[in-house]
N, C-alpha and C. Protein backbone atom coordinates (compact mmCIF):
# COMPACT_ATOMS: atom_id res chain seq x y z
N MET A 1 -60.97 110.32 88.78
CA MET A 1 -62.06 109.94 87.87
C MET A 1 -61.48 109.47 86.55
N THR A 2 -61.91 108.34 86.11
CA THR A 2 -61.41 107.85 84.84
C THR A 2 -62.22 108.40 83.66
N GLN A 3 -61.53 108.67 82.61
CA GLN A 3 -62.16 109.19 81.44
C GLN A 3 -62.68 108.00 80.61
N THR A 4 -63.92 108.11 80.14
CA THR A 4 -64.43 107.02 79.29
C THR A 4 -63.86 107.16 77.90
N THR A 5 -63.82 106.04 77.25
CA THR A 5 -63.37 105.98 75.89
C THR A 5 -64.27 106.78 74.94
N LYS A 6 -63.70 107.55 74.05
CA LYS A 6 -64.50 108.21 73.05
C LYS A 6 -64.73 107.22 71.92
N LEU A 7 -65.99 106.85 71.69
CA LEU A 7 -66.36 105.82 70.69
C LEU A 7 -67.34 106.45 69.72
N ILE A 8 -67.18 106.15 68.44
CA ILE A 8 -68.19 106.47 67.44
C ILE A 8 -68.46 105.16 66.70
N ILE A 9 -69.74 104.93 66.44
CA ILE A 9 -70.18 103.72 65.75
C ILE A 9 -70.69 104.11 64.40
N LEU A 10 -70.27 103.43 63.37
CA LEU A 10 -70.63 103.70 62.02
C LEU A 10 -71.35 102.51 61.42
N ASP A 11 -72.38 102.74 60.66
CA ASP A 11 -72.93 101.71 59.77
C ASP A 11 -71.90 101.61 58.63
N ARG A 12 -71.94 100.52 57.88
CA ARG A 12 -70.96 100.36 56.79
C ARG A 12 -71.53 100.84 55.50
N ASP A 13 -72.47 100.06 54.91
CA ASP A 13 -72.95 100.36 53.57
C ASP A 13 -73.80 101.64 53.59
N GLY A 14 -73.35 102.59 52.77
CA GLY A 14 -74.01 103.89 52.70
C GLY A 14 -73.42 104.99 53.58
N VAL A 15 -72.53 104.54 54.51
CA VAL A 15 -71.81 105.51 55.32
C VAL A 15 -70.33 105.54 54.98
N ILE A 16 -69.71 104.33 54.98
CA ILE A 16 -68.28 104.22 54.64
C ILE A 16 -68.10 103.91 53.15
N ASN A 17 -69.03 103.16 52.60
CA ASN A 17 -68.94 102.80 51.17
C ASN A 17 -70.28 103.03 50.50
N LEU A 18 -70.24 103.05 49.15
CA LEU A 18 -71.47 103.20 48.37
C LEU A 18 -72.36 102.02 48.69
N ASP A 19 -73.66 102.24 48.62
CA ASP A 19 -74.61 101.16 48.91
C ASP A 19 -75.30 100.76 47.59
N SER A 20 -75.99 99.65 47.62
CA SER A 20 -76.72 99.12 46.47
C SER A 20 -77.95 98.43 46.94
N ASP A 21 -79.09 98.67 46.24
CA ASP A 21 -80.32 97.95 46.57
C ASP A 21 -80.16 96.46 46.29
N ASP A 22 -79.15 96.08 45.51
CA ASP A 22 -78.89 94.69 45.18
C ASP A 22 -77.84 94.09 46.11
N TYR A 23 -77.49 94.78 47.15
CA TYR A 23 -76.53 94.32 48.15
C TYR A 23 -75.09 94.46 47.59
N ILE A 24 -74.15 94.68 48.49
CA ILE A 24 -72.73 94.68 48.12
C ILE A 24 -72.32 93.23 48.34
N LYS A 25 -71.98 92.51 47.23
CA LYS A 25 -71.80 91.08 47.27
C LYS A 25 -70.37 90.62 47.04
N SER A 26 -69.45 91.55 46.74
CA SER A 26 -68.09 91.16 46.44
C SER A 26 -67.14 92.33 46.76
N PRO A 27 -65.84 92.02 46.88
CA PRO A 27 -64.90 93.15 47.09
C PRO A 27 -64.91 94.13 45.92
N GLU A 28 -65.20 93.68 44.73
CA GLU A 28 -65.27 94.56 43.57
C GLU A 28 -66.41 95.55 43.69
N GLU A 29 -67.50 95.11 44.31
CA GLU A 29 -68.69 95.95 44.47
C GLU A 29 -68.56 96.91 45.70
N TRP A 30 -67.58 96.62 46.56
CA TRP A 30 -67.36 97.47 47.72
C TRP A 30 -66.55 98.66 47.27
N ILE A 31 -67.15 99.84 47.18
CA ILE A 31 -66.51 101.05 46.72
C ILE A 31 -66.58 102.10 47.77
N ALA A 32 -65.45 102.50 48.24
CA ALA A 32 -65.36 103.48 49.35
C ALA A 32 -65.90 104.83 48.94
N ILE A 33 -66.52 105.51 49.91
CA ILE A 33 -66.82 106.94 49.81
C ILE A 33 -65.54 107.63 50.30
N GLN A 34 -64.81 108.25 49.41
CA GLN A 34 -63.49 108.80 49.73
C GLN A 34 -63.55 109.77 50.90
N SER A 35 -64.54 110.64 50.95
CA SER A 35 -64.63 111.60 52.08
C SER A 35 -64.85 110.87 53.40
N SER A 36 -65.49 109.70 53.37
CA SER A 36 -65.69 108.95 54.60
C SER A 36 -64.37 108.36 55.12
N LEU A 37 -63.52 107.92 54.22
CA LEU A 37 -62.21 107.40 54.60
C LEU A 37 -61.47 108.51 55.32
N LYS A 38 -61.49 109.72 54.78
CA LYS A 38 -60.80 110.85 55.37
C LYS A 38 -61.44 111.17 56.76
N ALA A 39 -62.75 111.06 56.83
CA ALA A 39 -63.43 111.33 58.10
C ALA A 39 -62.98 110.34 59.16
N VAL A 40 -62.81 109.08 58.81
CA VAL A 40 -62.35 108.08 59.80
C VAL A 40 -60.92 108.45 60.23
N ALA A 41 -60.08 108.88 59.32
CA ALA A 41 -58.75 109.32 59.68
C ALA A 41 -58.79 110.47 60.72
N ILE A 42 -59.70 111.39 60.52
CA ILE A 42 -59.86 112.52 61.48
C ILE A 42 -60.29 111.97 62.83
N LEU A 43 -61.25 111.05 62.82
CA LEU A 43 -61.72 110.50 64.07
C LEU A 43 -60.58 109.76 64.81
N ASN A 44 -59.76 109.02 64.05
CA ASN A 44 -58.60 108.31 64.64
C ASN A 44 -57.67 109.33 65.29
N ARG A 45 -57.33 110.41 64.58
CA ARG A 45 -56.42 111.43 65.11
C ARG A 45 -57.01 112.17 66.31
N ALA A 46 -58.32 112.24 66.38
CA ALA A 46 -59.01 112.95 67.46
C ALA A 46 -59.16 112.06 68.69
N GLY A 47 -58.66 110.82 68.62
CA GLY A 47 -58.65 109.94 69.75
C GLY A 47 -59.88 109.10 69.90
N TYR A 48 -60.71 109.05 68.86
CA TYR A 48 -61.91 108.20 68.94
C TYR A 48 -61.57 106.77 68.56
N LYS A 49 -62.23 105.84 69.22
CA LYS A 49 -62.32 104.47 68.81
C LYS A 49 -63.40 104.41 67.79
N VAL A 50 -63.20 103.76 66.64
CA VAL A 50 -64.16 103.70 65.56
C VAL A 50 -64.66 102.25 65.44
N GLY A 51 -65.94 102.08 65.72
CA GLY A 51 -66.54 100.75 65.57
C GLY A 51 -67.52 100.77 64.41
N VAL A 52 -67.67 99.63 63.77
CA VAL A 52 -68.64 99.47 62.71
C VAL A 52 -69.64 98.41 63.14
N ALA A 53 -70.95 98.75 62.91
CA ALA A 53 -72.03 97.82 63.19
C ALA A 53 -72.86 97.71 61.93
N THR A 54 -72.79 96.51 61.29
CA THR A 54 -73.44 96.37 59.98
C THR A 54 -74.24 95.10 59.86
N ASN A 55 -75.51 95.28 59.42
CA ASN A 55 -76.29 94.12 59.07
C ASN A 55 -75.77 93.57 57.72
N GLN A 56 -75.56 92.31 57.67
CA GLN A 56 -75.09 91.67 56.43
C GLN A 56 -75.93 90.43 56.12
N SER A 57 -77.23 90.69 55.88
CA SER A 57 -78.17 89.54 55.65
C SER A 57 -77.91 88.92 54.27
N GLY A 58 -77.09 89.53 53.46
CA GLY A 58 -76.71 88.86 52.18
C GLY A 58 -76.12 87.47 52.42
N ILE A 59 -75.52 87.21 53.61
CA ILE A 59 -75.03 85.88 53.91
C ILE A 59 -76.20 84.94 54.08
N SER A 60 -77.17 85.27 54.95
CA SER A 60 -78.30 84.37 55.17
C SER A 60 -79.19 84.24 53.93
N ARG A 61 -79.12 85.18 53.02
CA ARG A 61 -79.90 85.14 51.77
C ARG A 61 -79.17 84.37 50.70
N GLY A 62 -77.90 84.01 50.97
CA GLY A 62 -77.13 83.20 50.02
C GLY A 62 -76.49 84.03 48.91
N TYR A 63 -76.39 85.34 49.05
CA TYR A 63 -75.78 86.21 48.06
C TYR A 63 -74.23 86.15 48.09
N PHE A 64 -73.71 85.93 49.26
CA PHE A 64 -72.26 85.81 49.43
C PHE A 64 -72.01 85.05 50.75
N ASP A 65 -70.74 84.65 50.96
CA ASP A 65 -70.44 83.89 52.16
C ASP A 65 -69.52 84.70 53.08
N GLU A 66 -69.18 84.09 54.24
CA GLU A 66 -68.37 84.77 55.25
C GLU A 66 -66.97 85.10 54.74
N VAL A 67 -66.42 84.24 53.88
CA VAL A 67 -65.12 84.47 53.31
C VAL A 67 -65.14 85.72 52.43
N THR A 68 -66.18 85.82 51.62
CA THR A 68 -66.32 87.00 50.73
C THR A 68 -66.48 88.26 51.58
N LEU A 69 -67.29 88.17 52.66
CA LEU A 69 -67.43 89.33 53.55
C LEU A 69 -66.09 89.70 54.14
N ALA A 70 -65.32 88.74 54.58
CA ALA A 70 -63.99 89.01 55.10
C ALA A 70 -63.09 89.69 54.06
N MET A 71 -63.22 89.29 52.83
CA MET A 71 -62.41 89.94 51.74
C MET A 71 -62.90 91.41 51.53
N MET A 72 -64.20 91.62 51.63
CA MET A 72 -64.69 93.01 51.53
C MET A 72 -64.13 93.86 52.66
N HIS A 73 -64.10 93.27 53.88
CA HIS A 73 -63.59 94.04 55.02
C HIS A 73 -62.10 94.22 54.93
N LYS A 74 -61.38 93.32 54.33
CA LYS A 74 -59.96 93.49 54.09
C LYS A 74 -59.76 94.64 53.10
N LYS A 75 -60.56 94.74 52.08
CA LYS A 75 -60.47 95.81 51.14
C LYS A 75 -60.72 97.16 51.86
N MET A 76 -61.72 97.18 52.74
CA MET A 76 -62.01 98.37 53.51
C MET A 76 -60.80 98.79 54.34
N GLU A 77 -60.21 97.81 55.03
CA GLU A 77 -59.02 98.10 55.84
C GLU A 77 -57.89 98.70 54.99
N MET A 78 -57.69 98.14 53.80
CA MET A 78 -56.60 98.63 52.92
C MET A 78 -56.92 100.00 52.43
N GLU A 79 -58.14 100.28 52.04
CA GLU A 79 -58.54 101.61 51.59
C GLU A 79 -58.37 102.64 52.72
N LEU A 80 -58.77 102.28 53.94
CA LEU A 80 -58.59 103.15 55.08
C LEU A 80 -57.09 103.42 55.36
N ALA A 81 -56.32 102.35 55.30
CA ALA A 81 -54.87 102.51 55.54
C ALA A 81 -54.21 103.49 54.61
N ARG A 82 -54.72 103.53 53.36
CA ARG A 82 -54.12 104.47 52.35
C ARG A 82 -54.25 105.91 52.79
N VAL A 83 -55.23 106.22 53.59
CA VAL A 83 -55.38 107.62 54.09
C VAL A 83 -55.01 107.72 55.57
N GLY A 84 -54.30 106.72 56.07
CA GLY A 84 -53.86 106.78 57.46
C GLY A 84 -54.95 106.55 58.46
N ALA A 85 -55.94 105.76 58.10
CA ALA A 85 -57.12 105.52 58.97
C ALA A 85 -57.25 104.04 59.28
N HIS A 86 -58.04 103.75 60.32
CA HIS A 86 -58.32 102.35 60.65
C HIS A 86 -59.67 102.28 61.44
N ILE A 87 -60.24 101.08 61.40
CA ILE A 87 -61.41 100.77 62.20
C ILE A 87 -60.88 99.96 63.39
N ASP A 88 -61.36 100.29 64.58
CA ASP A 88 -60.89 99.62 65.79
C ASP A 88 -61.61 98.28 66.05
N ALA A 89 -62.87 98.18 65.65
CA ALA A 89 -63.63 96.94 65.84
C ALA A 89 -64.79 96.94 64.86
N LEU A 90 -65.13 95.72 64.41
CA LEU A 90 -66.23 95.58 63.44
C LEU A 90 -67.14 94.46 63.92
N GLU A 91 -68.42 94.77 64.01
CA GLU A 91 -69.43 93.78 64.35
C GLU A 91 -70.35 93.68 63.17
N TYR A 92 -70.69 92.45 62.75
CA TYR A 92 -71.68 92.30 61.71
C TYR A 92 -72.70 91.24 62.15
N CYS A 93 -73.89 91.35 61.51
CA CYS A 93 -74.94 90.40 61.85
C CYS A 93 -75.48 89.87 60.54
N SER A 94 -75.41 88.54 60.38
CA SER A 94 -75.86 87.92 59.12
C SER A 94 -77.29 87.40 59.19
N ASP A 95 -78.00 87.69 60.29
CA ASP A 95 -79.37 87.21 60.43
C ASP A 95 -80.25 87.70 59.29
N HIS A 96 -81.18 86.80 58.88
CA HIS A 96 -82.18 87.15 57.89
C HIS A 96 -83.22 88.02 58.57
N PRO A 97 -83.75 89.05 57.88
CA PRO A 97 -84.74 89.91 58.49
C PRO A 97 -85.98 89.18 58.99
N ASP A 98 -86.29 88.02 58.42
CA ASP A 98 -87.45 87.26 58.83
C ASP A 98 -87.17 86.48 60.16
N GLN A 99 -85.90 86.37 60.52
CA GLN A 99 -85.53 85.69 61.77
C GLN A 99 -84.46 86.48 62.49
N PRO A 100 -84.83 87.69 62.88
CA PRO A 100 -83.77 88.57 63.49
C PRO A 100 -83.48 88.13 64.94
N GLY A 101 -82.18 88.11 65.22
CA GLY A 101 -81.74 87.88 66.58
C GLY A 101 -81.45 89.20 67.26
N PRO A 102 -80.83 89.16 68.44
CA PRO A 102 -80.60 90.38 69.20
C PRO A 102 -79.54 91.33 68.58
N ASN A 103 -78.78 90.82 67.60
CA ASN A 103 -77.74 91.66 66.99
C ASN A 103 -78.21 92.35 65.69
N ARG A 104 -79.33 91.92 65.13
CA ARG A 104 -79.77 92.55 63.88
C ARG A 104 -80.40 93.88 64.19
N LYS A 105 -79.82 94.94 63.53
CA LYS A 105 -80.41 96.27 63.72
C LYS A 105 -81.86 96.23 63.25
N PRO A 106 -82.78 96.85 63.97
CA PRO A 106 -82.61 97.87 64.96
C PRO A 106 -82.38 97.41 66.39
N ASN A 107 -82.23 96.09 66.61
CA ASN A 107 -81.89 95.63 67.94
C ASN A 107 -80.47 96.09 68.29
N PRO A 108 -80.22 96.29 69.56
CA PRO A 108 -78.96 96.99 69.97
C PRO A 108 -77.78 96.07 70.25
N GLY A 109 -77.82 94.83 69.85
CA GLY A 109 -76.75 93.87 70.20
C GLY A 109 -75.40 94.31 69.76
N MET A 110 -75.22 94.74 68.50
CA MET A 110 -73.89 95.10 67.97
C MET A 110 -73.33 96.33 68.67
N PRO A 111 -74.08 97.44 68.75
CA PRO A 111 -73.53 98.61 69.45
C PRO A 111 -73.26 98.31 70.95
N ASN A 112 -74.12 97.51 71.57
CA ASN A 112 -73.87 97.13 72.97
C ASN A 112 -72.55 96.42 73.14
N LYS A 113 -72.24 95.54 72.18
CA LYS A 113 -70.93 94.83 72.23
C LYS A 113 -69.77 95.82 72.11
N LEU A 114 -69.87 96.76 71.18
CA LEU A 114 -68.83 97.74 70.94
C LEU A 114 -68.67 98.66 72.17
N ILE A 115 -69.77 99.06 72.73
CA ILE A 115 -69.76 99.91 73.94
C ILE A 115 -69.04 99.19 75.08
N GLU A 116 -69.42 97.93 75.26
CA GLU A 116 -68.81 97.13 76.31
C GLU A 116 -67.29 96.92 76.08
N MET A 117 -66.97 96.58 74.82
CA MET A 117 -65.59 96.31 74.42
C MET A 117 -64.68 97.52 74.76
N PHE A 118 -65.16 98.71 74.50
CA PHE A 118 -64.35 99.92 74.69
C PHE A 118 -64.66 100.65 75.97
N GLU A 119 -65.52 100.05 76.80
CA GLU A 119 -65.90 100.67 78.07
C GLU A 119 -66.31 102.12 77.85
N ALA A 120 -67.13 102.31 76.87
CA ALA A 120 -67.62 103.67 76.49
C ALA A 120 -68.97 103.93 77.15
N ASN A 121 -69.28 105.21 77.22
CA ASN A 121 -70.60 105.64 77.74
C ASN A 121 -71.52 105.78 76.55
N PRO A 122 -72.62 104.98 76.48
CA PRO A 122 -73.49 105.07 75.34
C PRO A 122 -74.05 106.48 75.12
N ALA A 123 -74.32 107.20 76.21
CA ALA A 123 -74.92 108.54 76.08
C ALA A 123 -73.94 109.52 75.43
N GLN A 124 -72.64 109.16 75.43
CA GLN A 124 -71.62 110.03 74.78
C GLN A 124 -71.12 109.41 73.46
N THR A 125 -71.81 108.37 72.99
CA THR A 125 -71.38 107.68 71.78
C THR A 125 -72.27 108.02 70.59
N TRP A 126 -71.68 108.56 69.55
CA TRP A 126 -72.42 108.84 68.32
C TRP A 126 -72.58 107.55 67.55
N PHE A 127 -73.70 107.38 66.87
CA PHE A 127 -73.97 106.26 65.99
C PHE A 127 -74.43 106.88 64.66
N VAL A 128 -73.66 106.76 63.64
CA VAL A 128 -73.92 107.36 62.34
C VAL A 128 -74.42 106.32 61.36
N GLY A 129 -75.61 106.55 60.80
CA GLY A 129 -76.19 105.64 59.85
C GLY A 129 -76.96 106.32 58.77
N ASP A 130 -77.47 105.51 57.81
CA ASP A 130 -78.21 106.06 56.68
C ASP A 130 -79.62 105.50 56.59
N SER A 131 -80.07 104.76 57.62
CA SER A 131 -81.39 104.11 57.54
C SER A 131 -82.09 104.28 58.87
N LEU A 132 -83.42 104.11 58.80
CA LEU A 132 -84.27 104.18 60.03
C LEU A 132 -83.81 103.09 61.01
N SER A 133 -83.44 101.92 60.51
CA SER A 133 -83.01 100.87 61.46
C SER A 133 -81.73 101.27 62.18
N ASP A 134 -80.81 102.02 61.53
CA ASP A 134 -79.65 102.51 62.17
C ASP A 134 -79.99 103.50 63.31
N ILE A 135 -80.93 104.41 63.01
CA ILE A 135 -81.39 105.42 63.96
C ILE A 135 -82.01 104.72 65.16
N LYS A 136 -82.93 103.78 64.88
CA LYS A 136 -83.60 103.05 65.96
C LYS A 136 -82.61 102.25 66.76
N CYS A 137 -81.65 101.66 66.13
CA CYS A 137 -80.61 100.88 66.80
C CYS A 137 -79.81 101.78 67.77
N ALA A 138 -79.45 102.98 67.27
CA ALA A 138 -78.73 103.91 68.12
C ALA A 138 -79.53 104.23 69.36
N ILE A 139 -80.79 104.55 69.19
CA ILE A 139 -81.70 104.91 70.27
C ILE A 139 -81.83 103.72 71.24
N ASN A 140 -82.03 102.52 70.65
CA ASN A 140 -82.19 101.31 71.51
C ASN A 140 -80.98 101.03 72.32
N ALA A 141 -79.80 101.45 71.83
CA ALA A 141 -78.54 101.22 72.57
C ALA A 141 -78.19 102.39 73.49
N GLY A 142 -78.99 103.43 73.46
CA GLY A 142 -78.77 104.61 74.31
C GLY A 142 -77.71 105.55 73.72
N CYS A 143 -77.44 105.41 72.41
CA CYS A 143 -76.44 106.25 71.75
C CYS A 143 -77.06 107.48 71.16
N LYS A 144 -76.24 108.40 70.62
CA LYS A 144 -76.71 109.61 69.98
C LYS A 144 -76.75 109.32 68.49
N PRO A 145 -78.00 109.25 67.89
CA PRO A 145 -78.11 108.95 66.47
C PRO A 145 -77.83 110.13 65.59
N VAL A 146 -77.24 109.82 64.41
CA VAL A 146 -76.99 110.80 63.35
C VAL A 146 -77.37 110.14 62.03
N LEU A 147 -78.07 110.91 61.17
CA LEU A 147 -78.39 110.42 59.84
C LEU A 147 -77.51 111.13 58.83
N VAL A 148 -76.90 110.34 57.95
CA VAL A 148 -76.19 110.93 56.78
C VAL A 148 -77.00 110.64 55.54
N LEU A 149 -76.91 111.56 54.57
CA LEU A 149 -77.73 111.48 53.36
C LEU A 149 -77.11 110.65 52.27
N THR A 150 -75.93 110.10 52.51
CA THR A 150 -75.30 109.17 51.55
C THR A 150 -76.08 107.84 51.67
N GLY A 151 -75.77 106.93 50.76
CA GLY A 151 -76.43 105.62 50.81
C GLY A 151 -77.94 105.78 50.68
N LYS A 152 -78.67 105.20 51.64
CA LYS A 152 -80.13 105.27 51.64
C LYS A 152 -80.64 106.45 52.45
N GLY A 153 -79.71 107.32 52.87
CA GLY A 153 -80.08 108.42 53.78
C GLY A 153 -81.10 109.38 53.23
N GLN A 154 -80.99 109.77 51.95
CA GLN A 154 -81.95 110.69 51.37
C GLN A 154 -83.32 110.06 51.35
N ARG A 155 -83.43 108.77 50.97
CA ARG A 155 -84.71 108.04 50.96
C ARG A 155 -85.26 107.95 52.37
N THR A 156 -84.39 107.70 53.33
CA THR A 156 -84.82 107.58 54.74
C THR A 156 -85.41 108.91 55.18
N LEU A 157 -84.76 110.00 54.85
CA LEU A 157 -85.27 111.31 55.22
C LEU A 157 -86.64 111.59 54.55
N GLU A 158 -86.77 111.24 53.28
CA GLU A 158 -88.05 111.49 52.58
C GLU A 158 -89.19 110.63 53.10
N LYS A 159 -88.87 109.42 53.60
CA LYS A 159 -89.95 108.54 54.16
C LYS A 159 -90.50 109.13 55.43
N GLY A 160 -89.65 109.86 56.18
CA GLY A 160 -90.14 110.40 57.44
C GLY A 160 -90.12 109.40 58.56
N GLY A 161 -90.79 109.74 59.66
CA GLY A 161 -90.81 108.88 60.82
C GLY A 161 -89.56 108.94 61.64
N LEU A 162 -88.74 109.95 61.40
CA LEU A 162 -87.51 110.10 62.16
C LEU A 162 -87.73 110.94 63.44
N PRO A 163 -86.90 110.71 64.46
CA PRO A 163 -87.05 111.49 65.68
C PRO A 163 -86.87 113.01 65.42
N GLN A 164 -87.57 113.81 66.19
CA GLN A 164 -87.40 115.26 66.08
C GLN A 164 -85.97 115.57 66.54
N ASN A 165 -85.43 116.64 66.03
CA ASN A 165 -84.07 117.11 66.41
C ASN A 165 -82.97 116.14 66.06
N LEU A 166 -83.23 115.19 65.15
CA LEU A 166 -82.20 114.26 64.72
C LEU A 166 -81.16 115.02 63.92
N PRO A 167 -79.89 114.95 64.31
CA PRO A 167 -78.83 115.57 63.47
C PRO A 167 -78.71 114.91 62.12
N ILE A 168 -78.77 115.73 61.03
CA ILE A 168 -78.72 115.21 59.67
C ILE A 168 -77.59 115.91 58.92
N TYR A 169 -76.74 115.14 58.26
CA TYR A 169 -75.60 115.68 57.55
C TYR A 169 -75.55 115.11 56.12
N ASP A 170 -74.88 115.86 55.23
CA ASP A 170 -74.76 115.38 53.87
C ASP A 170 -73.99 114.06 53.80
N ASN A 171 -72.95 113.93 54.65
CA ASN A 171 -72.12 112.72 54.66
C ASN A 171 -71.33 112.63 55.94
N LEU A 172 -70.62 111.56 56.12
CA LEU A 172 -69.83 111.38 57.35
C LEU A 172 -68.80 112.47 57.55
N LYS A 173 -68.18 112.94 56.50
CA LYS A 173 -67.14 113.99 56.61
C LYS A 173 -67.75 115.28 57.10
N SER A 174 -68.92 115.65 56.60
CA SER A 174 -69.52 116.91 57.08
C SER A 174 -69.94 116.80 58.55
N PHE A 175 -70.38 115.60 58.98
CA PHE A 175 -70.66 115.39 60.40
C PHE A 175 -69.39 115.55 61.24
N VAL A 176 -68.31 114.88 60.83
CA VAL A 176 -67.06 114.90 61.57
C VAL A 176 -66.52 116.34 61.59
N ASP A 177 -66.51 117.03 60.46
CA ASP A 177 -65.99 118.40 60.39
C ASP A 177 -66.73 119.31 61.40
N GLU A 178 -68.02 119.12 61.55
CA GLU A 178 -68.79 120.02 62.41
C GLU A 178 -68.79 119.61 63.88
N ASN A 179 -68.52 118.36 64.23
CA ASN A 179 -68.70 117.88 65.59
C ASN A 179 -67.49 117.38 66.30
N ILE A 180 -66.44 117.10 65.57
CA ILE A 180 -65.27 116.45 66.21
C ILE A 180 -64.10 117.41 66.29
N ALA A 181 -63.69 117.69 67.49
CA ALA A 181 -62.55 118.59 67.69
C ALA A 181 -61.29 117.75 67.81
N ILE A 182 -60.26 118.18 67.08
CA ILE A 182 -58.96 117.50 67.24
C ILE A 182 -58.15 118.36 68.18
N ASP A 183 -57.76 117.73 69.29
CA ASP A 183 -56.96 118.42 70.31
C ASP A 183 -55.58 118.76 69.87
């Protein structure tokens, strides 16, 4: 019997880095949540593949371009590398919310690609996010949703409408510390 890949999917803004209602539009505005970088390092050491699924409608809104997004992701890679961590794959969707395609969360296109890429079992795949669209996306892809209270998480919790028994954590590090065993 082959063992399936251990995969965890993370939203970016509000989970890995600080979020902004005005969008993260430049590498300078991309500011890591330090405990999240450490959490990714723990996931890496525990044998998890770490995927990122992030809506980036700032591109279709004209706030920044793909080159700037690539520079933000390069900064993320460098910040992660400083703590001995890495992301295994990153999917982003630049669709405008008024014209969402199959990859724009809450649609499951991005996590489905990551699950297929790593031959993971969605029912064993955590999806950590800070918004209702992240939670719905996780459910739509058959993943196990988790809400963190960083980013827009506290607002998401206060708005309600979340599934019963949804695991909720202060941040990515507290989720990882409680759920991920390092062999």
